Amino acid sequence: MSEEQKQFLLDNIKNLHREDVSTMVEQLDNINVDVAYVPGSKPESTKKASKINDAELDRILAVIQKNFDATEFQNKDVSPFVEGLTPRQVPSRLKKLVDAGRLTDLGGSPKKYILV
């Protein structure tokens, strides 16, 4: 901690007795900050595993190959054909298929996709 930072902290502490100043400065010198920790972030070990399984991806891919082989499509086009998933669950599966290189994201709002 720099001298300016120490001075800033000392200047901003109200009702601090003079005899406590030296103790506080010693404590400030002993503070070690863990820079790897970012408040609000989760350590790698506590992150949840994805609930998206390969069977769902294969099922969606089969629907796309059957109905949209060489054409552009959106989530709203695919969702009615996918059994067992709600229209809100399908976009995350489409993103996984894009990440896996099976679909191409054409962008737009709403997003459009095409089979690779």
PDB file of N, CA and C in Angstrom:
ATOM      1  N   MET A   1       0.855  -1.164   0.000  1.00  0.00           N
ATOM      2  CA  MET A   1       0.000   0.000   0.000  1.00  0.00           C
ATOM      3  C   MET A   1       0.899   1.224   0.000  1.00  0.00           C
ATOM      4  N   SER A   2       0.589   2.169  -0.870  1.00  0.00           N
ATOM      5  CA  SER A   2       1.425   3.364  -0.983  1.00  0.00           C
ATOM      6  C   SER A   2       1.179   4.308   0.196  1.00  0.00           C
ATOM      7  N   GLU A   3       2.083   5.236   0.354  1.00  0.00           N
ATOM      8  CA  GLU A   3       1.944   6.221   1.433  1.00  0.00           C
ATOM      9  C   GLU A   3       0.702   7.078   1.212  1.00  0.00           C
ATOM     10  N   GLU A   4       0.392   7.381  -0.060  1.00  0.00           N
ATOM     11  CA  GLU A   4      -0.795   8.184  -0.358  1.00  0.00           C
ATOM     12  C   GLU A   4      -2.069   7.440   0.049  1.00  0.00           C
ATOM     13  N   GLN A   5      -2.105   6.148  -0.219  1.00  0.00           N
ATOM     14  CA  GLN A   5      -3.269   5.359   0.152  1.00  0.00           C
ATOM     15  C   GLN A   5      -3.421   5.293   1.669  1.00  0.00           C
ATOM     16  N   LYS A   6      -2.293   5.111   2.360  1.00  0.00           N
ATOM     17  CA  LYS A   6      -2.337   5.078   3.818  1.00  0.00           C
ATOM     18  C   LYS A   6      -2.846   6.406   4.366  1.00  0.00           C
ATOM     19  N   GLN A   7      -2.335   7.495   3.799  1.00  0.00           N
ATOM     20  CA  GLN A   7      -2.729   8.820   4.270  1.00  0.00           C
ATOM     21  C   GLN A   7      -4.215   9.065   4.001  1.00  0.00           C
ATOM     22  N   PHE A   8      -4.675   8.642   2.842  1.00  0.00           N
ATOM     23  CA  PHE A   8      -6.093   8.789   2.501  1.00  0.00           C
ATOM     24  C   PHE A   8      -6.966   8.060   3.520  1.00  0.00           C
ATOM     25  N   LEU A   9      -6.596   6.824   3.847  1.00  0.00           N
ATOM     26  CA  LEU A   9      -7.367   6.056   4.824  1.00  0.00           C
ATOM     27  C   LEU A   9      -7.338   6.721   6.197  1.00  0.00           C
ATOM     28  N   LEU A  10      -6.162   7.173   6.589  1.00  0.00           N
ATOM     29  CA  LEU A  10      -6.043   7.808   7.902  1.00  0.00           C
ATOM     30  C   LEU A  10      -6.826   9.111   7.967  1.00  0.00           C
ATOM     31  N   ASP A  11      -6.815   9.884   6.881  1.00  0.00           N
ATOM     32  CA  ASP A  11      -7.530  11.156   6.847  1.00  0.00           C
ATOM     33  C   ASP A  11      -9.037  10.956   6.875  1.00  0.00           C
ATOM     34  N   ASN A  12      -9.496   9.810   6.438  1.00  0.00           N
ATOM     35  CA  ASN A  12     -10.930   9.577   6.317  1.00  0.00           C
ATOM     36  C   ASN A  12     -11.527   8.754   7.449  1.00  0.00           C
ATOM     37  N   ILE A  13     -10.744   8.464   8.460  1.00  0.00           N
ATOM     38  CA  ILE A  13     -11.264   7.723   9.602  1.00  0.00           C
ATOM     39  C   ILE A  13     -11.580   8.714  10.709  1.00  0.00           C
ATOM     40  N   LYS A  14     -12.840   8.746  11.072  1.00  0.00           N
ATOM     41  CA  LYS A  14     -13.273   9.702  12.093  1.00  0.00           C
ATOM     42  C   LYS A  14     -13.130   9.082  13.484  1.00  0.00           C
ATOM     43  N   ASN A  15     -12.931   9.941  14.451  1.00  0.00           N
ATOM     44  CA  ASN A  15     -12.840   9.549  15.864  1.00  0.00           C
ATOM     45  C   ASN A  15     -11.684   8.579  16.133  1.00  0.00           C
ATOM     46  N   LEU A  16     -10.638   8.699  15.388  1.00  0.00           N
ATOM     47  CA  LEU A  16      -9.469   7.854  15.602  1.00  0.00           C
ATOM     48  C   LEU A  16      -8.564   8.530  16.633  1.00  0.00           C
ATOM     49  N   HIS A  17      -8.221   7.811  17.669  1.00  0.00           N
ATOM     50  CA  HIS A  17      -7.342   8.366  18.689  1.00  0.00           C
ATOM     51  C   HIS A  17      -5.902   8.327  18.202  1.00  0.00           C
ATOM     52  N   ARG A  18      -5.129   9.317  18.617  1.00  0.00           N
ATOM     53  CA  ARG A  18      -3.738   9.420  18.181  1.00  0.00           C
ATOM     54  C   ARG A  18      -2.927   8.172  18.486  1.00  0.00           C
ATOM     55  N   GLU A  19      -3.137   7.575  19.621  1.00  0.00           N
ATOM     56  CA  GLU A  19      -2.361   6.394  19.991  1.00  0.00           C
ATOM     57  C   GLU A  19      -2.696   5.187  19.116  1.00  0.00           C
ATOM     58  N   ASP A  20      -3.835   5.219  18.449  1.00  0.00           N
ATOM     59  CA  ASP A  20      -4.222   4.113  17.573  1.00  0.00           C
ATOM     60  C   ASP A  20      -3.637   4.232  16.163  1.00  0.00           C
ATOM     61  N   VAL A  21      -3.120   5.406  15.824  1.00  0.00           N
ATOM     62  CA  VAL A  21      -2.614   5.626  14.466  1.00  0.00           C
ATOM     63  C   VAL A  21      -1.454   4.692  14.147  1.00  0.00           C
ATOM     64  N   SER A  22      -0.481   4.573  15.025  1.00  0.00           N
ATOM     65  CA  SER A  22       0.667   3.712  14.741  1.00  0.00           C
ATOM     66  C   SER A  22       0.246   2.251  14.614  1.00  0.00           C
ATOM     67  N   THR A  23      -0.691   1.824  15.449  1.00  0.00           N
ATOM     68  CA  THR A  23      -1.195   0.452  15.367  1.00  0.00           C
ATOM     69  C   THR A  23      -1.887   0.222  14.021  1.00  0.00           C
ATOM     70  N   MET A  24      -2.673   1.209  13.599  1.00  0.00           N
ATOM     71  CA  MET A  24      -3.378   1.078  12.331  1.00  0.00           C
ATOM     72  C   MET A  24      -2.397   1.023  11.159  1.00  0.00           C
ATOM     73  N   VAL A  25      -1.368   1.845  11.189  1.00  0.00           N
ATOM     74  CA  VAL A  25      -0.376   1.842  10.109  1.00  0.00           C
ATOM     75  C   VAL A  25       0.322   0.493  10.041  1.00  0.00           C
ATOM     76  N   GLU A  26       0.639  -0.088  11.178  1.00  0.00           N
ATOM     77  CA  GLU A  26       1.246  -1.422  11.207  1.00  0.00           C
ATOM     78  C   GLU A  26       0.301  -2.461  10.605  1.00  0.00           C
ATOM     79  N   GLN A  27      -0.963  -2.363  10.933  1.00  0.00           N
ATOM     80  CA  GLN A  27      -1.945  -3.305  10.395  1.00  0.00           C
ATOM     81  C   GLN A  27      -2.100  -3.130   8.885  1.00  0.00           C
ATOM     82  N   LEU A  28      -2.054  -1.897   8.420  1.00  0.00           N
ATOM     83  CA  LEU A  28      -2.162  -1.647   6.979  1.00  0.00           C
ATOM     84  C   LEU A  28      -0.982  -2.261   6.230  1.00  0.00           C
ATOM     85  N   ASP A  29       0.195  -2.217   6.843  1.00  0.00           N
ATOM     86  CA  ASP A  29       1.380  -2.810   6.215  1.00  0.00           C
ATOM     87  C   ASP A  29       1.259  -4.319   6.105  1.00  0.00           C
ATOM     88  N   ASN A  30       0.514  -4.941   7.016  1.00  0.00           N
ATOM     89  CA  ASN A  30       0.397  -6.397   7.041  1.00  0.00           C
ATOM     90  C   ASN A  30      -0.759  -6.948   6.198  1.00  0.00           C
ATOM     91  N   ILE A  31      -1.531  -6.046   5.606  1.00  0.00           N
ATOM     92  CA  ILE A  31      -2.674  -6.503   4.813  1.00  0.00           C
ATOM     93  C   ILE A  31      -2.176  -7.040   3.475  1.00  0.00           C
ATOM     94  N   ASN A  32      -2.578  -8.267   3.163  1.00  0.00           N
ATOM     95  CA  ASN A  32      -2.279  -8.857   1.857  1.00  0.00           C
ATOM     96  C   ASN A  32      -3.595  -9.005   1.114  1.00  0.00           C
ATOM     97  N   VAL A  33      -3.646  -8.478  -0.071  1.00  0.00           N
ATOM     98  CA  VAL A  33      -4.858  -8.549  -0.877  1.00  0.00           C
ATOM     99  C   VAL A  33      -4.684  -9.631  -1.921  1.00  0.00           C
ATOM    100  N   ASP A  34      -5.666 -10.506  -2.023  1.00  0.00           N
ATOM    101  CA  ASP A  34      -5.659 -11.568  -3.026  1.00  0.00           C
ATOM    102  C   ASP A  34      -6.188 -10.990  -4.333  1.00  0.00           C
ATOM    103  N   VAL A  35      -5.301 -10.695  -5.268  1.00  0.00           N
ATOM    104  CA  VAL A  35      -5.716 -10.063  -6.521  1.00  0.00           C
ATOM    105  C   VAL A  35      -6.401 -11.028  -7.468  1.00  0.00           C
ATOM    106  N   ALA A  36      -6.309 -12.327  -7.215  1.00  0.00           N
ATOM    107  CA  ALA A  36      -6.980 -13.300  -8.071  1.00  0.00           C
ATOM    108  C   ALA A  36      -8.475 -13.327  -7.798  1.00  0.00           C
ATOM    109  N   TYR A  37      -8.888 -12.856  -6.654  1.00  0.00           N
ATOM    110  CA  TYR A  37     -10.304 -12.862  -6.304  1.00  0.00           C
ATOM    111  C   TYR A  37     -10.973 -11.595  -6.802  1.00  0.00           C
ATOM    112  N   VAL A  38     -12.060 -11.750  -7.527  1.00  0.00           N
ATOM    113  CA  VAL A  38     -12.852 -10.617  -7.981  1.00  0.00           C
ATOM    114  C   VAL A  38     -14.231 -10.767  -7.361  1.00  0.00           C
ATOM    115  N   PRO A  39     -14.662  -9.794  -6.569  1.00  0.00           N
ATOM    116  CA  PRO A  39     -15.975  -9.921  -5.936  1.00  0.00           C
ATOM    117  C   PRO A  39     -17.061 -10.170  -6.984  1.00  0.00           C
ATOM    118  N   GLY A  40     -17.965 -11.089  -6.671  1.00  0.00           N
ATOM    119  CA  GLY A  40     -19.057 -11.406  -7.581  1.00  0.00           C
ATOM    120  C   GLY A  40     -18.746 -12.533  -8.536  1.00  0.00           C
ATOM    121  N   SER A  41     -17.478 -12.918  -8.650  1.00  0.00           N
ATOM    122  CA  SER A  41     -17.141 -14.024  -9.543  1.00  0.00           C
ATOM    123  C   SER A  41     -17.067 -15.307  -8.733  1.00  0.00           C
ATOM    124  N   LYS A  42     -17.255 -16.413  -9.418  1.00  0.00           N
ATOM    125  CA  LYS A  42     -17.198 -17.706  -8.748  1.00  0.00           C
ATOM    126  C   LYS A  42     -15.885 -18.393  -9.094  1.00  0.00           C
ATOM    127  N   PRO A  43     -15.264 -19.016  -8.119  1.00  0.00           N
ATOM    128  CA  PRO A  43     -14.077 -19.807  -8.442  1.00  0.00           C
ATOM    129  C   PRO A  43     -14.460 -20.936  -9.380  1.00  0.00           C
ATOM    130  N   GLU A  44     -13.505 -21.397 -10.173  1.00  0.00           N
ATOM    131  CA  GLU A  44     -13.753 -22.448 -11.154  1.00  0.00           C
ATOM    132  C   GLU A  44     -14.396 -23.685 -10.535  1.00  0.00           C
ATOM    133  N   SER A  45     -14.022 -24.009  -9.312  1.00  0.00           N
ATOM    134  CA  SER A  45     -14.512 -25.235  -8.689  1.00  0.00           C
ATOM    135  C   SER A  45     -15.995 -25.166  -8.319  1.00  0.00           C
ATOM    136  N   THR A  46     -16.557 -23.949  -8.190  1.00  0.00           N
ATOM    137  CA  THR A  46     -17.954 -23.837  -7.794  1.00  0.00           C
ATOM    138  C   THR A  46     -18.882 -23.569  -8.969  1.00  0.00           C
ATOM    139  N   LYS A  47     -18.352 -23.438 -10.172  1.00  0.00           N
ATOM    140  CA  LYS A  47     -19.210 -23.212 -11.329  1.00  0.00           C
ATOM    141  C   LYS A  47     -19.985 -24.476 -11.640  1.00  0.00           C
ATOM    142  N   LYS A  48     -21.254 -24.286 -12.002  1.00  0.00           N
ATOM    143  CA  LYS A  48     -22.121 -25.426 -12.274  1.00  0.00           C
ATOM    144  C   LYS A  48     -21.826 -25.983 -13.667  1.00  0.00           C
ATOM    145  N   ALA A  49     -21.948 -27.283 -13.778  1.00  0.00           N
ATOM    146  CA  ALA A  49     -21.796 -27.932 -15.069  1.00  0.00           C
ATOM    147  C   ALA A  49     -23.046 -27.650 -15.895  1.00  0.00           C
ATOM    148  N   SER A  50     -22.883 -27.635 -17.178  1.00  0.00           N
ATOM    149  CA  SER A  50     -23.989 -27.369 -18.082  1.00  0.00           C
ATOM    150  C   SER A  50     -25.015 -28.497 -18.013  1.00  0.00           C
ATOM    151  N   LYS A  51     -26.293 -28.122 -18.064  1.00  0.00           N
ATOM    152  CA  LYS A  51     -27.359 -29.114 -18.062  1.00  0.00           C
ATOM    153  C   LYS A  51     -27.710 -29.547 -19.483  1.00  0.00           C
ATOM    154  N   ILE A  52     -27.034 -28.972 -20.446  1.00  0.00           N
ATOM    155  CA  ILE A  52     -27.277 -29.322 -21.845  1.00  0.00           C
ATOM    156  C   ILE A  52     -26.528 -30.616 -22.140  1.00  0.00           C
ATOM    157  N   ASN A  53     -27.268 -31.632 -22.588  1.00  0.00           N
ATOM    158  CA  ASN A  53     -26.600 -32.899 -22.874  1.00  0.00           C
ATOM    159  C   ASN A  53     -26.512 -33.151 -24.381  1.00  0.00           C
ATOM    160  N   ASP A  54     -25.672 -34.088 -24.758  1.00  0.00           N
ATOM    161  CA  ASP A  54     -25.426 -34.381 -26.168  1.00  0.00           C
ATOM    162  C   ASP A  54     -26.665 -34.920 -26.872  1.00  0.00           C
ATOM    163  N   ALA A  55     -27.519 -35.620 -26.152  1.00  0.00           N
ATOM    164  CA  ALA A  55     -28.741 -36.165 -26.756  1.00  0.00           C
ATOM    165  C   ALA A  55     -29.648 -35.038 -27.240  1.00  0.00           C
ATOM    166  N   GLU A  56     -29.754 -33.967 -26.452  1.00  0.00           N
ATOM    167  CA  GLU A  56     -30.557 -32.814 -26.859  1.00  0.00           C
ATOM    168  C   GLU A  56     -29.974 -32.166 -28.107  1.00  0.00           C
ATOM    169  N   LEU A  57     -28.660 -32.010 -28.110  1.00  0.00           N
ATOM    170  CA  LEU A  57     -28.000 -31.396 -29.269  1.00  0.00           C
ATOM    171  C   LEU A  57     -28.198 -32.246 -30.515  1.00  0.00           C
ATOM    172  N   ASP A  58     -28.072 -33.558 -30.377  1.00  0.00           N
ATOM    173  CA  ASP A  58     -28.272 -34.459 -31.516  1.00  0.00           C
ATOM    174  C   ASP A  58     -29.707 -34.388 -32.027  1.00  0.00           C
ATOM    175  N   ARG A  59     -30.658 -34.298 -31.097  1.00  0.00           N
ATOM    176  CA  ARG A  59     -32.074 -34.210 -31.468  1.00  0.00           C
ATOM    177  C   ARG A  59     -32.354 -32.923 -32.243  1.00  0.00           C
ATOM    178  N   ILE A  60     -31.822 -31.806 -31.766  1.00  0.00           N
ATOM    179  CA  ILE A  60     -32.018 -30.523 -32.443  1.00  0.00           C
ATOM    180  C   ILE A  60     -31.335 -30.535 -33.800  1.00  0.00           C
ATOM    181  N   LEU A  61     -30.144 -31.085 -33.860  1.00  0.00           N
ATOM    182  CA  LEU A  61     -29.416 -31.154 -35.119  1.00  0.00           C
ATOM    183  C   LEU A  61     -30.177 -31.996 -36.147  1.00  0.00           C
ATOM    184  N   ALA A  62     -30.786 -33.081 -35.708  1.00  0.00           N
ATOM    185  CA  ALA A  62     -31.576 -33.929 -36.612  1.00  0.00           C
ATOM    186  C   ALA A  62     -32.782 -33.159 -37.148  1.00  0.00           C
ATOM    187  N   VAL A  63     -33.440 -32.374 -36.303  1.00  0.00           N
ATOM    188  CA  VAL A  63     -34.577 -31.558 -36.739  1.00  0.00           C
ATOM    189  C   VAL A  63     -34.125 -30.537 -37.775  1.00  0.00           C
ATOM    190  N   ILE A  64     -32.994 -29.908 -37.516  1.00  0.00           N
ATOM    191  CA  ILE A  64     -32.469 -28.898 -38.439  1.00  0.00           C
ATOM    192  C   ILE A  64     -32.111 -29.535 -39.780  1.00  0.00           C
ATOM    193  N   GLN A  65     -31.434 -30.678 -39.755  1.00  0.00           N
ATOM    194  CA  GLN A  65     -31.048 -31.352 -40.995  1.00  0.00           C
ATOM    195  C   GLN A  65     -32.271 -31.784 -41.798  1.00  0.00           C
ATOM    196  N   LYS A  66     -33.318 -32.190 -41.118  1.00  0.00           N
ATOM    197  CA  LYS A  66     -34.519 -32.666 -41.790  1.00  0.00           C
ATOM    198  C   LYS A  66     -35.328 -31.513 -42.396  1.00  0.00           C
ATOM    199  N   ASN A  67     -35.456 -30.402 -41.665  1.00  0.00           N
ATOM    200  CA  ASN A  67     -36.349 -29.325 -42.066  1.00  0.00           C
ATOM    201  C   ASN A  67     -35.677 -28.084 -42.651  1.00  0.00           C
ATOM    202  N   PHE A  68     -34.423 -27.852 -42.334  1.00  0.00           N
ATOM    203  CA  PHE A  68     -33.756 -26.616 -42.755  1.00  0.00           C
ATOM    204  C   PHE A  68     -32.371 -26.897 -43.319  1.00  0.00           C
ATOM    205  N   ASP A  69     -32.259 -27.889 -44.171  1.00  0.00           N
ATOM    206  CA  ASP A  69     -30.964 -28.376 -44.636  1.00  0.00           C
ATOM    207  C   ASP A  69     -30.095 -27.281 -45.260  1.00  0.00           C
ATOM    208  N   ALA A  70     -30.628 -26.496 -46.182  1.00  0.00           N
ATOM    209  CA  ALA A  70     -29.801 -25.495 -46.863  1.00  0.00           C
ATOM    210  C   ALA A  70     -30.409 -24.101 -46.748  1.00  0.00           C
ATOM    211  N   THR A  71     -31.273 -23.900 -45.767  1.00  0.00           N
ATOM    212  CA  THR A  71     -31.925 -22.602 -45.623  1.00  0.00           C
ATOM    213  C   THR A  71     -31.625 -21.999 -44.260  1.00  0.00           C
ATOM    214  N   GLU A  72     -31.780 -20.682 -44.194  1.00  0.00           N
ATOM    215  CA  GLU A  72     -31.614 -19.975 -42.926  1.00  0.00           C
ATOM    216  C   GLU A  72     -32.819 -20.271 -42.045  1.00  0.00           C
ATOM    217  N   PHE A  73     -32.607 -20.240 -40.746  1.00  0.00           N
ATOM    218  CA  PHE A  73     -33.706 -20.458 -39.805  1.00  0.00           C
ATOM    219  C   PHE A  73     -33.432 -19.697 -38.524  1.00  0.00           C
ATOM    220  N   GLN A  74     -34.495 -19.537 -37.743  1.00  0.00           N
ATOM    221  CA  GLN A  74     -34.417 -18.878 -36.443  1.00  0.00           C
ATOM    222  C   GLN A  74     -34.914 -19.843 -35.376  1.00  0.00           C
ATOM    223  N   ASN A  75     -34.749 -19.444 -34.141  1.00  0.00           N
ATOM    224  CA  ASN A  75     -35.227 -20.245 -33.021  1.00  0.00           C
ATOM    225  C   ASN A  75     -36.719 -20.539 -33.167  1.00  0.00           C
ATOM    226  N   LYS A  76     -37.497 -19.522 -33.544  1.00  0.00           N
ATOM    227  CA  LYS A  76     -38.948 -19.709 -33.642  1.00  0.00           C
ATOM    228  C   LYS A  76     -39.320 -20.729 -34.713  1.00  0.00           C
ATOM    229  N   ASP A  77     -38.438 -20.944 -35.693  1.00  0.00           N
ATOM    230  CA  ASP A  77     -38.690 -21.938 -36.727  1.00  0.00           C
ATOM    231  C   ASP A  77     -38.412 -23.355 -36.221  1.00  0.00           C
ATOM    232  N   VAL A  78     -37.386 -23.506 -35.420  1.00  0.00           N
ATOM    233  CA  VAL A  78     -36.949 -24.816 -34.948  1.00  0.00           C
ATOM    234  C   VAL A  78     -37.749 -25.298 -33.737  1.00  0.00           C
ATOM    235  N   SER A  79     -38.063 -24.396 -32.825  1.00  0.00           N
ATOM    236  CA  SER A  79     -38.689 -24.751 -31.545  1.00  0.00           C
ATOM    237  C   SER A  79     -39.923 -25.641 -31.659  1.00  0.00           C
ATOM    238  N   PRO A  80     -40.848 -25.396 -32.586  1.00  0.00           N
ATOM    239  CA  PRO A  80     -42.040 -26.257 -32.646  1.00  0.00           C
ATOM    240  C   PRO A  80     -41.732 -27.721 -32.966  1.00  0.00           C
ATOM    241  N   PHE A  81     -40.605 -27.981 -33.612  1.00  0.00           N
ATOM    242  CA  PHE A  81     -40.244 -29.346 -34.013  1.00  0.00           C
ATOM    243  C   PHE A  81     -39.498 -30.118 -32.919  1.00  0.00           C
ATOM    244  N   VAL A  82     -38.984 -29.408 -31.924  1.00  0.00           N
ATOM    245  CA  VAL A  82     -38.164 -30.036 -30.885  1.00  0.00           C
ATOM    246  C   VAL A  82     -39.060 -30.430 -29.711  1.00  0.00           C
ATOM    247  N   GLU A  83     -39.172 -31.713 -29.484  1.00  0.00           N
ATOM    248  CA  GLU A  83     -39.998 -32.209 -28.382  1.00  0.00           C
ATOM    249  C   GLU A  83     -39.177 -32.267 -27.094  1.00  0.00           C
ATOM    250  N   GLY A  84     -39.808 -31.950 -25.995  1.00  0.00           N
ATOM    251  CA  GLY A  84     -39.158 -32.059 -24.695  1.00  0.00           C
ATOM    252  C   GLY A  84     -38.412 -30.818 -24.261  1.00  0.00           C
ATOM    253  N   LEU A  85     -38.345 -29.799 -25.119  1.00  0.00           N
ATOM    254  CA  LEU A  85     -37.687 -28.545 -24.757  1.00  0.00           C
ATOM    255  C   LEU A  85     -38.636 -27.388 -25.057  1.00  0.00           C
ATOM    256  N   THR A  86     -38.589 -26.378 -24.215  1.00  0.00           N
ATOM    257  CA  THR A  86     -39.407 -25.188 -24.443  1.00  0.00           C
ATOM    258  C   THR A  86     -38.698 -24.268 -25.428  1.00  0.00           C
ATOM    259  N   PRO A  87     -39.431 -23.351 -26.056  1.00  0.00           N
ATOM    260  CA  PRO A  87     -38.789 -22.395 -26.962  1.00  0.00           C
ATOM    261  C   PRO A  87     -37.713 -21.548 -26.286  1.00  0.00           C
ATOM    262  N   ARG A  88     -37.780 -21.405 -24.984  1.00  0.00           N
ATOM    263  CA  ARG A  88     -36.751 -20.639 -24.261  1.00  0.00           C
ATOM    264  C   ARG A  88     -35.476 -21.443 -24.048  1.00  0.00           C
ATOM    265  N   GLN A  89     -35.565 -22.757 -24.130  1.00  0.00           N
ATOM    266  CA  GLN A  89     -34.382 -23.598 -23.929  1.00  0.00           C
ATOM    267  C   GLN A  89     -33.603 -23.817 -25.221  1.00  0.00           C
ATOM    268  N   VAL A  90     -34.244 -23.676 -26.341  1.00  0.00           N
ATOM    269  CA  VAL A  90     -33.605 -23.993 -27.621  1.00  0.00           C
ATOM    270  C   VAL A  90     -32.446 -23.049 -27.971  1.00  0.00           C
ATOM    271  N   PRO A  91     -32.530 -21.727 -27.740  1.00  0.00           N
ATOM    272  CA  PRO A  91     -31.418 -20.847 -28.127  1.00  0.00           C
ATOM    273  C   PRO A  91     -30.067 -21.222 -27.515  1.00  0.00           C
ATOM    274  N   SER A  92     -30.074 -21.668 -26.263  1.00  0.00           N
ATOM    275  CA  SER A  92     -28.795 -22.051 -25.639  1.00  0.00           C
ATOM    276  C   SER A  92     -28.224 -23.299 -26.314  1.00  0.00           C
ATOM    277  N   ARG A  93     -29.113 -24.184 -26.782  1.00  0.00           N
ATOM    278  CA  ARG A  93     -28.653 -25.386 -27.495  1.00  0.00           C
ATOM    279  C   ARG A  93     -28.123 -25.009 -28.874  1.00  0.00           C
ATOM    280  N   LEU A  94     -28.776 -24.028 -29.517  1.00  0.00           N
ATOM    281  CA  LEU A  94     -28.288 -23.553 -30.816  1.00  0.00           C
ATOM    282  C   LEU A  94     -26.897 -22.925 -30.663  1.00  0.00           C
ATOM    283  N   LYS A  95     -26.694 -22.187 -29.572  1.00  0.00           N
ATOM    284  CA  LYS A  95     -25.376 -21.587 -29.315  1.00  0.00           C
ATOM    285  C   LYS A  95     -24.315 -22.669 -29.137  1.00  0.00           C
ATOM    286  N   LYS A  96     -24.661 -23.737 -28.421  1.00  0.00           N
ATOM    287  CA  LYS A  96     -23.713 -24.850 -28.252  1.00  0.00           C
ATOM    288  C   LYS A  96     -23.370 -25.478 -29.597  1.00  0.00           C
ATOM    289  N   LEU A  97     -24.355 -25.589 -30.480  1.00  0.00           N
ATOM    290  CA  LEU A  97     -24.096 -26.151 -31.804  1.00  0.00           C
ATOM    291  C   LEU A  97     -23.215 -25.212 -32.638  1.00  0.00           C
ATOM    292  N   VAL A  98     -23.382 -23.915 -32.461  1.00  0.00           N
ATOM    293  CA  VAL A  98     -22.500 -22.950 -33.134  1.00  0.00           C
ATOM    294  C   VAL A  98     -21.081 -23.104 -32.601  1.00  0.00           C
ATOM    295  N   ASP A  99     -20.941 -23.194 -31.278  1.00  0.00           N
ATOM    296  CA  ASP A  99     -19.620 -23.348 -30.654  1.00  0.00           C
ATOM    297  C   ASP A  99     -18.943 -24.646 -31.085  1.00  0.00           C
ATOM    298  N   ALA A 100     -19.753 -25.680 -31.360  1.00  0.00           N
ATOM    299  CA  ALA A 100     -19.208 -26.971 -31.783  1.00  0.00           C
ATOM    300  C   ALA A 100     -18.901 -27.000 -33.286  1.00  0.00           C
ATOM    301  N   GLY A 101     -19.269 -25.922 -33.996  1.00  0.00           N
ATOM    302  CA  GLY A 101     -18.975 -25.855 -35.424  1.00  0.00           C
ATOM    303  C   GLY A 101     -20.003 -26.550 -36.303  1.00  0.00           C
ATOM    304  N   ARG A 102     -21.156 -26.885 -35.758  1.00  0.00           N
ATOM    305  CA  ARG A 102     -22.201 -27.568 -36.532  1.00  0.00           C
ATOM    306  C   ARG A 102     -23.145 -26.591 -37.218  1.00  0.00           C
ATOM    307  N   LEU A 103     -23.271 -25.366 -36.656  1.00  0.00           N
ATOM    308  CA  LEU A 103     -24.106 -24.315 -37.223  1.00  0.00           C
ATOM    309  C   LEU A 103     -23.273 -23.059 -37.409  1.00  0.00           C
ATOM    310  N   THR A 104     -23.725 -22.192 -38.298  1.00  0.00           N
ATOM    311  CA  THR A 104     -23.110 -20.885 -38.472  1.00  0.00           C
ATOM    312  C   THR A 104     -24.105 -19.839 -37.995  1.00  0.00           C
ATOM    313  N   ASP A 105     -23.648 -18.949 -37.132  1.00  0.00           N
ATOM    314  CA  ASP A 105     -24.477 -17.857 -36.631  1.00  0.00           C
ATOM    315  C   ASP A 105     -24.393 -16.717 -37.634  1.00  0.00           C
ATOM    316  N   LEU A 106     -25.512 -16.365 -38.251  1.00  0.00           N
ATOM    317  CA  LEU A 106     -25.541 -15.303 -39.250  1.00  0.00           C
ATOM    318  C   LEU A 106     -25.831 -13.942 -38.636  1.00  0.00           C
ATOM    319  N   GLY A 107     -26.030 -13.905 -37.331  1.00  0.00           N
ATOM    320  CA  GLY A 107     -26.291 -12.650 -36.633  1.00  0.00           C
ATOM    321  C   GLY A 107     -27.725 -12.196 -36.813  1.00  0.00           C
ATOM    322  N   GLY A 108     -27.935 -10.915 -36.620  1.00  0.00           N
ATOM    323  CA  GLY A 108     -29.271 -10.363 -36.741  1.00  0.00           C
ATOM    324  C   GLY A 108     -30.007 -10.387 -35.424  1.00  0.00           C
ATOM    325  N   SER A 109     -31.178  -9.763 -35.451  1.00  0.00           N
ATOM    326  CA  SER A 109     -32.018  -9.764 -34.266  1.00  0.00           C
ATOM    327  C   SER A 109     -33.453  -9.955 -34.727  1.00  0.00           C
ATOM    328  N   PRO A 110     -34.032 -11.101 -34.537  1.00  0.00           N
ATOM    329  CA  PRO A 110     -33.512 -12.284 -33.858  1.00  0.00           C
ATOM    330  C   PRO A 110     -32.450 -12.997 -34.697  1.00  0.00           C
ATOM    331  N   LYS A 111     -31.618 -13.755 -34.010  1.00  0.00           N
ATOM    332  CA  LYS A 111     -30.506 -14.440 -34.671  1.00  0.00           C
ATOM    333  C   LYS A 111     -30.988 -15.418 -35.735  1.00  0.00           C
ATOM    334  N   LYS A 112     -30.177 -15.500 -36.783  1.00  0.00           N
ATOM    335  CA  LYS A 112     -30.434 -16.486 -37.837  1.00  0.00           C
ATOM    336  C   LYS A 112     -29.252 -17.432 -37.894  1.00  0.00           C
ATOM    337  N   TYR A 113     -29.542 -18.670 -38.239  1.00  0.00           N
ATOM    338  CA  TYR A 113     -28.524 -19.712 -38.319  1.00  0.00           C
ATOM    339  C   TYR A 113     -28.638 -20.436 -39.654  1.00  0.00           C
ATOM    340  N   ILE A 114     -27.553 -21.118 -40.007  1.00  0.00           N
ATOM    341  CA  ILE A 114     -27.572 -22.005 -41.168  1.00  0.00           C
ATOM    342  C   ILE A 114     -26.703 -23.205 -40.839  1.00  0.00           C
ATOM    343  N   LEU A 115     -27.072 -24.331 -41.378  1.00  0.00           N
ATOM    344  CA  LEU A 115     -26.331 -25.583 -41.143  1.00  0.00           C
ATOM    345  C   LEU A 115     -24.993 -25.517 -41.856  1.00  0.00           C
ATOM    346  N   VAL A 116     -23.952 -25.980 -41.228  1.00  0.00           N
ATOM    347  CA  VAL A 116     -22.614 -25.984 -41.827  1.00  0.00           C
ATOM    348  C   VAL A 116     -22.500 -27.134 -42.780  1.00  0.00           C
TER     349      VAL A 116
END
